[in-house]
Amino acid sequence: MQLLQIADHALALMRAQGFDAAQVDVSRSELTELNIAINQPSLMRSTEQHRLTLVGLLDGRRASAELSRVEDEHLRHTVAALHAEACSAPQDEAHAVSRGEHAVLAQGPLEVEPGVLHRQLADAVAGLLDFRAAQTPTMMIQEGAASYTREQQHTLTSEGSDIAARLASYALVVVGNAREGGRTSSFTSCGGDTHRLDDQPPEAHFGIGEVMRELTCQTAPRPLGGKFVGDVVLSPRAVGSLLSWLLAQVGDAQLIAGSSVLREQVGALVASPLLTLRSRFDAPGVAAVSTDAFVAHPLDLLRRGELTTLLPTLYGSRKTGLAHRPVASAGWAMDAGDSALADMIAAAPRGALVGRLSMGMPAANGDFSGVIKNSFAIEAGEVGHALSETMITGNIAQMLRHVLDVSRERVDFGAQCMPWLRVGGLRFS
């Protein structure tokens, strides 16, 4: 059956069962991948996954289910069980489904000949392994993959929303560490999604090659020594941690709980004027549709440091009274700055070039204490030795305000495109 037929049939069953409102999401995903295991090409495989998600509302009560089988008897049984579950669920009048949303979306390399695809994946894996052998021989690729995903999605609601999407993208990912003389670096991973795999050498995608080079210099790390206040130069991967905190602050959980420090800050400067953060809901593998079936239109979340909007879902909006602003599941880009990365490092008197932040769950107000990993010391504006057992303490809200430089260089991971940031005022220990 076609996806629309499956969705239409499921929605009809939910109506017949007596739901007040319903949403049906059906998708079919095809994955072809060539794996890497311990510096060698490994399994080439193709898989297909079917998924049907049902959400039913009854007298302000909500229940949901996810299926991988769409046979009529199984579907009818699931809908009946879902109705029974909804009858005993907590009542909350904020539950609702989207009304009158329509879109037909298509993006990415949707038609690729199997022979061409297999050659592209094989060339990408061979290129990564050749680069490792020639440029970073002490770096061990413990696992990795080059892959291609093609997905079809269709969403219907009982209130007349009808959204269809066809997406295709390539991906590369590398996971490993470096080993030299009995010493090892910490593990790290790097990868992303793209619409083209053959437009540049595989190691040039997502900064993979640079991460592999850095690992070879991290087999003999040592502490920075002493406690002091200094600068961090955050890599694009580490900048993603700041983005995650920011999105959480303007999303449902924090807004409904009343713990967001940004709820009353729309229109105010909440970050350095050097920062502009824009949506890119057409990123590889991303559909410009929210999880609650609204078309996600482009927006600037930060405009020269000013917070322009909050991002509650339909439920979050009805729960809090805040304006609803649909966003896709991913897709964000921070504008490049005017500074060269080398100049940013030279401007840091003391601190660290940070590859990854490991800070767990920051406090509601943004306070955190975390270990910096895959990082290097900065002394008098120069990059020094690899770091171990080094922590930074600070507040993420303040970090966003204390951005001193934004690099001209950026790394495009697909779902995110981020520059390097120099941030002052972090406490090291």
Foldseek 3Di string as FASTA:
>chain_A
DDPVVLQVVLQVLLVVLPFPKKKKKKKKKKKWKWKDAFLHTDDTDIDMFIKMKMWTHHQQFIFIDMDRDRPPVVSNVVSNVRVVVRVPGDHDNLDDFDADAEEEEEDFDQDDDPVRVVVLQVQQSVLVSVCCVPPPVQKIQRMKMKMKMWMWMWMDMPRGFTYIYIAIWIKIKTWTAGDDPNFIADIDMFMFIGRDRPPDRNCQARVNSVLSNLRSQGRDAEAPDDKDFWKEWEAQQAVVVLVVLVLVLLEQPCLLVVLRPCPPQAFHQLFALQKKKWFDQSFHPHHQAAPSGHRADIDICAHSRHGHAGAYDSSSCSSRVGDHHGGTPFGMEIAAFDAAPLVLLLPIQWDKHAHHWDWPDAPSQQWTKTDGGSMFIRHNSDTDHHHDPKMKTDGSSVQRHQFDTGHNDWHCRRRYIGTITMGGGIMMD
